[in-house]
Amino acid sequence: MALSMVRRSVVVGLMAVLVGVEAAAADEAASPALGTRVRVTAPRVLGKRVVGTLVGLDAATLTLQPKGSTRTIEVPRAAITRLEASRRPSQRGKGAGLGLLAGLGAAAVIGVMAGDTCGPDSWLCFDKTATAAMAAVLTVPVGVLVGVGAARGERWEIYDSPRVHVGLGPVRGGGVRGEASVRF
């Protein structure tokens, strides 16, 4: 009898402390502005990380319009394990375009430098245009890959991701289930 009272006291004490920790963590976190591109991780609700536009945010729910969709999704804030806001868009598309131009330029230079002026008695000869076209098969993909790799990706800022998260809940058939996570 005395042991069960001690267990209940410990559980009630932990719950009181955890509610205080969660409330303090929630007060510290700022929120991204409406219309911001966000990335939401809520495995229990969404199943996967979803990127979209923030269209609504209150104490209980976050409303998100996923990328490429006209519908909205409401996600309980308690289910969100990570909320990130985009602070700088990706430059990878621009990098790919610059790499494409560099690859075409390199192919043109190779064609001019290595192409031959073919005469009627040459049986295996590639003129400057054909040499440039063959070089482009190699230089353009390499240029695009280098451009994408060298360009900066999107930069994300983390919101609503408490460093310490602890939860307690009842277990069917009696008992208490606990979960804890720590982010460094």
C-alpha atoms as a PDB file:
ATOM      1  CA  MET A   1       0.000   0.000   0.000  1.00  0.00           C
ATOM      2  CA  ALA A   2       2.757   2.436   0.950  1.00  0.00           C
ATOM      3  CA  LEU A   3       4.754   1.568  -2.206  1.00  0.00           C
ATOM      4  CA  SER A   4       1.814   2.370  -4.492  1.00  0.00           C
ATOM      5  CA  MET A   5       1.347   5.723  -2.739  1.00  0.00           C
ATOM      6  CA  VAL A   6       5.024   6.528  -3.311  1.00  0.00           C
ATOM      7  CA  ARG A   7       4.693   5.618  -7.005  1.00  0.00           C
ATOM      8  CA  ARG A   8       1.631   7.805  -7.409  1.00  0.00           C
ATOM      9  CA  SER A   9       3.366  10.683  -5.656  1.00  0.00           C
ATOM     10  CA  VAL A  10       6.401  10.347  -7.931  1.00  0.00           C
ATOM     11  CA  VAL A  11       4.204  10.253 -11.046  1.00  0.00           C
ATOM     12  CA  VAL A  12       2.156  13.270  -9.953  1.00  0.00           C
ATOM     13  CA  GLY A  13       5.335  15.170  -9.057  1.00  0.00           C
ATOM     14  CA  LEU A  14       6.939  14.366 -12.424  1.00  0.00           C
ATOM     15  CA  MET A  15       3.810  15.447 -14.274  1.00  0.00           C
ATOM     16  CA  ALA A  16       3.781  18.782 -12.422  1.00  0.00           C
ATOM     17  CA  VAL A  17       7.443  19.400 -13.182  1.00  0.00           C
ATOM     18  CA  LEU A  18       7.034  18.413 -16.840  1.00  0.00           C
ATOM     19  CA  VAL A  19       4.060  20.697 -17.352  1.00  0.00           C
ATOM     20  CA  GLY A  20       6.199  23.551 -16.029  1.00  0.00           C
ATOM     21  CA  VAL A  21       9.117  22.611 -18.317  1.00  0.00           C
ATOM     22  CA  GLU A  22       6.862  22.435 -21.380  1.00  0.00           C
ATOM     23  CA  ALA A  23       5.204  25.769 -20.572  1.00  0.00           C
ATOM     24  CA  ALA A  24       8.590  27.467 -20.114  1.00  0.00           C
ATOM     25  CA  ALA A  25       9.898  26.030 -23.392  1.00  0.00           C
ATOM     26  CA  ALA A  26       6.757  27.149 -25.228  1.00  0.00           C
ATOM     27  CA  ASP A  27       7.109  30.690 -23.889  1.00  0.00           C
ATOM     28  CA  GLU A  28      10.728  30.940 -25.064  1.00  0.00           C
ATOM     29  CA  ALA A  29      10.082  29.899 -28.671  1.00  0.00           C
ATOM     30  CA  ALA A  30       9.185  32.564 -31.196  1.00  0.00           C
ATOM     31  CA  SER A  31       7.017  31.771 -34.206  1.00  0.00           C
ATOM     32  CA  PRO A  32       7.619  32.308 -37.916  1.00  0.00           C
ATOM     33  CA  ALA A  33       5.469  34.898 -39.713  1.00  0.00           C
ATOM     34  CA  LEU A  34       2.436  33.925 -41.763  1.00  0.00           C
ATOM     35  CA  GLY A  35       3.293  33.382 -45.432  1.00  0.00           C
ATOM     36  CA  THR A  36       6.740  31.993 -44.568  1.00  0.00           C
ATOM     37  CA  ARG A  37       7.975  28.824 -46.263  1.00  0.00           C
ATOM     38  CA  VAL A  38       8.183  26.221 -43.474  1.00  0.00           C
ATOM     39  CA  ARG A  39       9.230  22.616 -43.016  1.00  0.00           C
ATOM     40  CA  VAL A  40       7.148  20.690 -40.458  1.00  0.00           C
ATOM     41  CA  THR A  41       8.071  17.373 -38.876  1.00  0.00           C
ATOM     42  CA  ALA A  42       5.207  15.678 -37.023  1.00  0.00           C
ATOM     43  CA  PRO A  43       5.680  11.919 -37.494  1.00  0.00           C
ATOM     44  CA  ARG A  44       2.562  10.879 -35.589  1.00  0.00           C
ATOM     45  CA  VAL A  45       0.278  13.125 -37.661  1.00  0.00           C
ATOM     46  CA  LEU A  46       1.940  13.652 -41.046  1.00  0.00           C
ATOM     47  CA  GLY A  47       4.089  10.546 -41.312  1.00  0.00           C
ATOM     48  CA  LYS A  48       6.836  12.481 -43.111  1.00  0.00           C
ATOM     49  CA  ARG A  49       8.370  15.947 -43.174  1.00  0.00           C
ATOM     50  CA  VAL A  50       6.162  18.391 -45.124  1.00  0.00           C
ATOM     51  CA  VAL A  51       7.292  21.636 -46.784  1.00  0.00           C
ATOM     52  CA  GLY A  52       4.777  24.388 -47.487  1.00  0.00           C
ATOM     53  CA  THR A  53       3.525  27.872 -46.663  1.00  0.00           C
ATOM     54  CA  LEU A  54       2.430  28.816 -43.151  1.00  0.00           C
ATOM     55  CA  VAL A  55      -1.165  30.093 -43.427  1.00  0.00           C
ATOM     56  CA  GLY A  56      -2.249  29.987 -39.783  1.00  0.00           C
ATOM     57  CA  LEU A  57      -0.731  29.578 -36.338  1.00  0.00           C
ATOM     58  CA  ASP A  58      -2.236  29.668 -32.866  1.00  0.00           C
ATOM     59  CA  ALA A  59      -1.449  28.097 -29.496  1.00  0.00           C
ATOM     60  CA  ALA A  60      -3.035  24.763 -30.426  1.00  0.00           C
ATOM     61  CA  THR A  61      -2.627  24.268 -34.199  1.00  0.00           C
ATOM     62  CA  LEU A  62      -0.452  25.133 -37.151  1.00  0.00           C
ATOM     63  CA  THR A  63      -2.139  25.444 -40.559  1.00  0.00           C
ATOM     64  CA  LEU A  64       0.052  24.647 -43.542  1.00  0.00           C
ATOM     65  CA  GLN A  65      -0.502  24.721 -47.302  1.00  0.00           C
ATOM     66  CA  PRO A  66       1.812  22.023 -48.693  1.00  0.00           C
ATOM     67  CA  LYS A  67       4.031  22.859 -51.651  1.00  0.00           C
ATOM     68  CA  GLY A  68       2.174  22.235 -54.902  1.00  0.00           C
ATOM     69  CA  SER A  69      -1.256  21.860 -53.269  1.00  0.00           C
ATOM     70  CA  THR A  70      -4.321  24.067 -52.883  1.00  0.00           C
ATOM     71  CA  ARG A  71      -5.593  22.351 -49.733  1.00  0.00           C
ATOM     72  CA  THR A  72      -4.438  23.091 -46.193  1.00  0.00           C
ATOM     73  CA  ILE A  73      -3.386  20.793 -43.364  1.00  0.00           C
ATOM     74  CA  GLU A  74      -3.969  21.508 -39.680  1.00  0.00           C
ATOM     75  CA  VAL A  75      -1.323  20.027 -37.403  1.00  0.00           C
ATOM     76  CA  PRO A  76      -1.639  20.046 -33.600  1.00  0.00           C
ATOM     77  CA  ARG A  77       1.321  21.991 -32.161  1.00  0.00           C
ATOM     78  CA  ALA A  78       1.832  19.280 -29.532  1.00  0.00           C
ATOM     79  CA  ALA A  79       2.480  16.737 -32.333  1.00  0.00           C
ATOM     80  CA  ILE A  80       5.195  18.858 -34.006  1.00  0.00           C
ATOM     81  CA  THR A  81       8.670  17.587 -33.224  1.00  0.00           C
ATOM     82  CA  ARG A  82      10.430  20.148 -35.434  1.00  0.00           C
ATOM     83  CA  LEU A  83       9.344  23.378 -37.135  1.00  0.00           C
ATOM     84  CA  GLU A  84      11.771  25.148 -39.461  1.00  0.00           C
ATOM     85  CA  ALA A  85      11.402  28.368 -41.454  1.00  0.00           C
ATOM     86  CA  SER A  86      13.270  29.130 -44.669  1.00  0.00           C
ATOM     87  CA  ARG A  87      15.669  32.039 -44.263  1.00  0.00           C
ATOM     88  CA  ARG A  88      17.370  31.856 -47.663  1.00  0.00           C
ATOM     89  CA  PRO A  89      16.065  30.190 -50.832  1.00  0.00           C
ATOM     90  CA  SER A  90      18.176  27.630 -52.645  1.00  0.00           C
ATOM     91  CA  GLN A  91      20.608  28.848 -55.293  1.00  0.00           C
ATOM     92  CA  ARG A  92      20.955  25.388 -56.867  1.00  0.00           C
ATOM     93  CA  GLY A  93      18.830  26.230 -59.948  1.00  0.00           C
ATOM     94  CA  LYS A  94      20.962  29.277 -60.666  1.00  0.00           C
ATOM     95  CA  GLY A  95      24.096  27.173 -60.136  1.00  0.00           C
ATOM     96  CA  ALA A  96      22.814  24.557 -62.602  1.00  0.00           C
ATOM     97  CA  GLY A  97      22.175  27.279 -65.208  1.00  0.00           C
ATOM     98  CA  LEU A  98      25.650  28.747 -64.781  1.00  0.00           C
ATOM     99  CA  GLY A  99      27.158  25.252 -64.979  1.00  0.00           C
ATOM    100  CA  LEU A 100      25.240  24.604 -68.206  1.00  0.00           C
ATOM    101  CA  LEU A 101      26.621  27.802 -69.736  1.00  0.00           C
ATOM    102  CA  ALA A 102      30.151  26.947 -68.582  1.00  0.00           C
ATOM    103  CA  GLY A 103      29.828  23.463 -70.089  1.00  0.00           C
ATOM    104  CA  LEU A 104      28.624  24.871 -73.409  1.00  0.00           C
ATOM    105  CA  GLY A 105      31.469  27.407 -73.393  1.00  0.00           C
ATOM    106  CA  ALA A 106      34.019  24.699 -72.704  1.00  0.00           C
ATOM    107  CA  ALA A 107      32.587  22.580 -75.539  1.00  0.00           C
ATOM    108  CA  ALA A 108      32.833  25.519 -77.952  1.00  0.00           C
ATOM    109  CA  VAL A 109      36.470  26.139 -76.981  1.00  0.00           C
ATOM    110  CA  ILE A 110      37.299  22.444 -77.407  1.00  0.00           C
ATOM    111  CA  GLY A 111      35.575  22.433 -80.819  1.00  0.00           C
ATOM    112  CA  VAL A 112      37.537  25.440 -82.034  1.00  0.00           C
ATOM    113  CA  MET A 113      40.856  24.179 -80.656  1.00  0.00           C
ATOM    114  CA  ALA A 114      40.614  20.475 -81.516  1.00  0.00           C
ATOM    115  CA  GLY A 115      38.343  20.405 -84.559  1.00  0.00           C
ATOM    116  CA  ASP A 116      39.918  19.808 -87.958  1.00  0.00           C
ATOM    117  CA  THR A 117      39.357  21.370 -91.321  1.00  0.00           C
ATOM    118  CA  CYS A 118      38.357  18.287 -93.249  1.00  0.00           C
ATOM    119  CA  GLY A 119      39.425  17.785 -96.853  1.00  0.00           C
ATOM    120  CA  PRO A 120      37.937  15.457 -99.502  1.00  0.00           C
ATOM    121  CA  ASP A 121      40.630  12.797 -98.953  1.00  0.00           C
ATOM    122  CA  SER A 122      40.123  12.531 -95.136  1.00  0.00           C
ATOM    123  CA  TRP A 123      38.245   9.365 -94.227  1.00  0.00           C
ATOM    124  CA  LEU A 124      38.027  10.001 -90.440  1.00  0.00           C
ATOM    125  CA  CYS A 125      37.741  13.691 -89.692  1.00  0.00           C
ATOM    126  CA  PHE A 126      35.633  15.711 -87.285  1.00  0.00           C
ATOM    127  CA  ASP A 127      35.110  19.342 -88.088  1.00  0.00           C
ATOM    128  CA  LYS A 128      34.914  22.029 -85.422  1.00  0.00           C
ATOM    129  CA  THR A 129      31.104  21.804 -85.048  1.00  0.00           C
ATOM    130  CA  ALA A 130      31.084  18.007 -84.649  1.00  0.00           C
ATOM    131  CA  THR A 131      33.967  18.169 -82.178  1.00  0.00           C
ATOM    132  CA  ALA A 132      32.138  20.814 -80.127  1.00  0.00           C
ATOM    133  CA  ALA A 133      28.933  18.699 -80.142  1.00  0.00           C
ATOM    134  CA  MET A 134      30.808  15.599 -78.956  1.00  0.00           C
ATOM    135  CA  ALA A 135      32.603  17.586 -76.259  1.00  0.00           C
ATOM    136  CA  ALA A 136      29.263  19.019 -75.081  1.00  0.00           C
ATOM    137  CA  VAL A 137      28.060  15.494 -74.307  1.00  0.00           C
ATOM    138  CA  LEU A 138      30.681  15.428 -71.557  1.00  0.00           C
ATOM    139  CA  THR A 139      31.193  19.052 -70.548  1.00  0.00           C
ATOM    140  CA  VAL A 140      27.532  20.090 -70.140  1.00  0.00           C
ATOM    141  CA  PRO A 141      26.539  17.399 -67.576  1.00  0.00           C
ATOM    142  CA  VAL A 142      29.796  17.947 -65.679  1.00  0.00           C
ATOM    143  CA  GLY A 143      29.210  21.707 -65.679  1.00  0.00           C
ATOM    144  CA  VAL A 144      25.631  21.300 -64.401  1.00  0.00           C
ATOM    145  CA  LEU A 145      26.730  18.936 -61.617  1.00  0.00           C
ATOM    146  CA  VAL A 146      29.549  21.235 -60.541  1.00  0.00           C
ATOM    147  CA  GLY A 147      27.181  24.225 -60.618  1.00  0.00           C
ATOM    148  CA  VAL A 148      24.592  22.471 -58.467  1.00  0.00           C
ATOM    149  CA  GLY A 149      27.242  21.254 -56.042  1.00  0.00           C
ATOM    150  CA  ALA A 150      28.897  24.652 -55.704  1.00  0.00           C
ATOM    151  CA  ALA A 151      25.659  26.607 -55.198  1.00  0.00           C
ATOM    152  CA  ARG A 152      24.244  27.216 -51.731  1.00  0.00           C
ATOM    153  CA  GLY A 153      21.208  25.251 -50.674  1.00  0.00           C
ATOM    154  CA  GLU A 154      18.200  26.528 -48.781  1.00  0.00           C
ATOM    155  CA  ARG A 155      18.932  27.688 -45.226  1.00  0.00           C
ATOM    156  CA  TRP A 156      16.474  26.697 -42.502  1.00  0.00           C
ATOM    157  CA  GLU A 157      16.014  28.220 -39.045  1.00  0.00           C
ATOM    158  CA  ILE A 158      14.636  25.973 -36.290  1.00  0.00           C
ATOM    159  CA  TYR A 159      11.549  27.003 -34.315  1.00  0.00           C
ATOM    160  CA  ASP A 160       9.366  25.159 -31.827  1.00  0.00           C
ATOM    161  CA  SER A 161      11.831  22.380 -31.150  1.00  0.00           C
ATOM    162  CA  PRO A 162      12.289  22.164 -27.402  1.00  0.00           C
ATOM    163  CA  ARG A 163      15.656  20.857 -26.235  1.00  0.00           C
ATOM    164  CA  VAL A 164      14.036  18.595 -23.666  1.00  0.00           C
ATOM    165  CA  HIS A 165      10.717  16.910 -24.312  1.00  0.00           C
ATOM    166  CA  VAL A 166       9.170  14.537 -21.794  1.00  0.00           C
ATOM    167  CA  GLY A 167       5.707  13.063 -21.941  1.00  0.00           C
ATOM    168  CA  LEU A 168       3.621  10.778 -19.753  1.00  0.00           C
ATOM    169  CA  GLY A 169       0.449   8.948 -20.652  1.00  0.00           C
ATOM    170  CA  PRO A 170      -1.777   6.135 -19.461  1.00  0.00           C
ATOM    171  CA  VAL A 171      -1.349   2.587 -20.731  1.00  0.00           C
ATOM    172  CA  ARG A 172      -4.385   0.455 -21.526  1.00  0.00           C
ATOM    173  CA  GLY A 173      -4.785  -2.086 -18.744  1.00  0.00           C
ATOM    174  CA  GLY A 174      -3.222   0.190 -16.131  1.00  0.00           C
ATOM    175  CA  GLY A 175       0.103   1.854 -15.643  1.00  0.00           C
ATOM    176  CA  VAL A 176       1.910   4.885 -16.983  1.00  0.00           C
ATOM    177  CA  ARG A 177       3.958   5.203 -20.160  1.00  0.00           C
ATOM    178  CA  GLY A 178       6.814   7.710 -20.297  1.00  0.00           C
ATOM    179  CA  GLU A 179       8.847   9.100 -23.167  1.00  0.00           C
ATOM    180  CA  ALA A 180      11.744  11.506 -23.240  1.00  0.00           C
ATOM    181  CA  SER A 181      13.940  13.094 -25.889  1.00  0.00           C
ATOM    182  CA  VAL A 182      16.879  15.445 -25.668  1.00  0.00           C
ATOM    183  CA  ARG A 183      18.176  17.575 -28.584  1.00  0.00           C
ATOM    184  CA  PHE A 184      21.707  18.919 -28.506  1.00  0.00           C
END
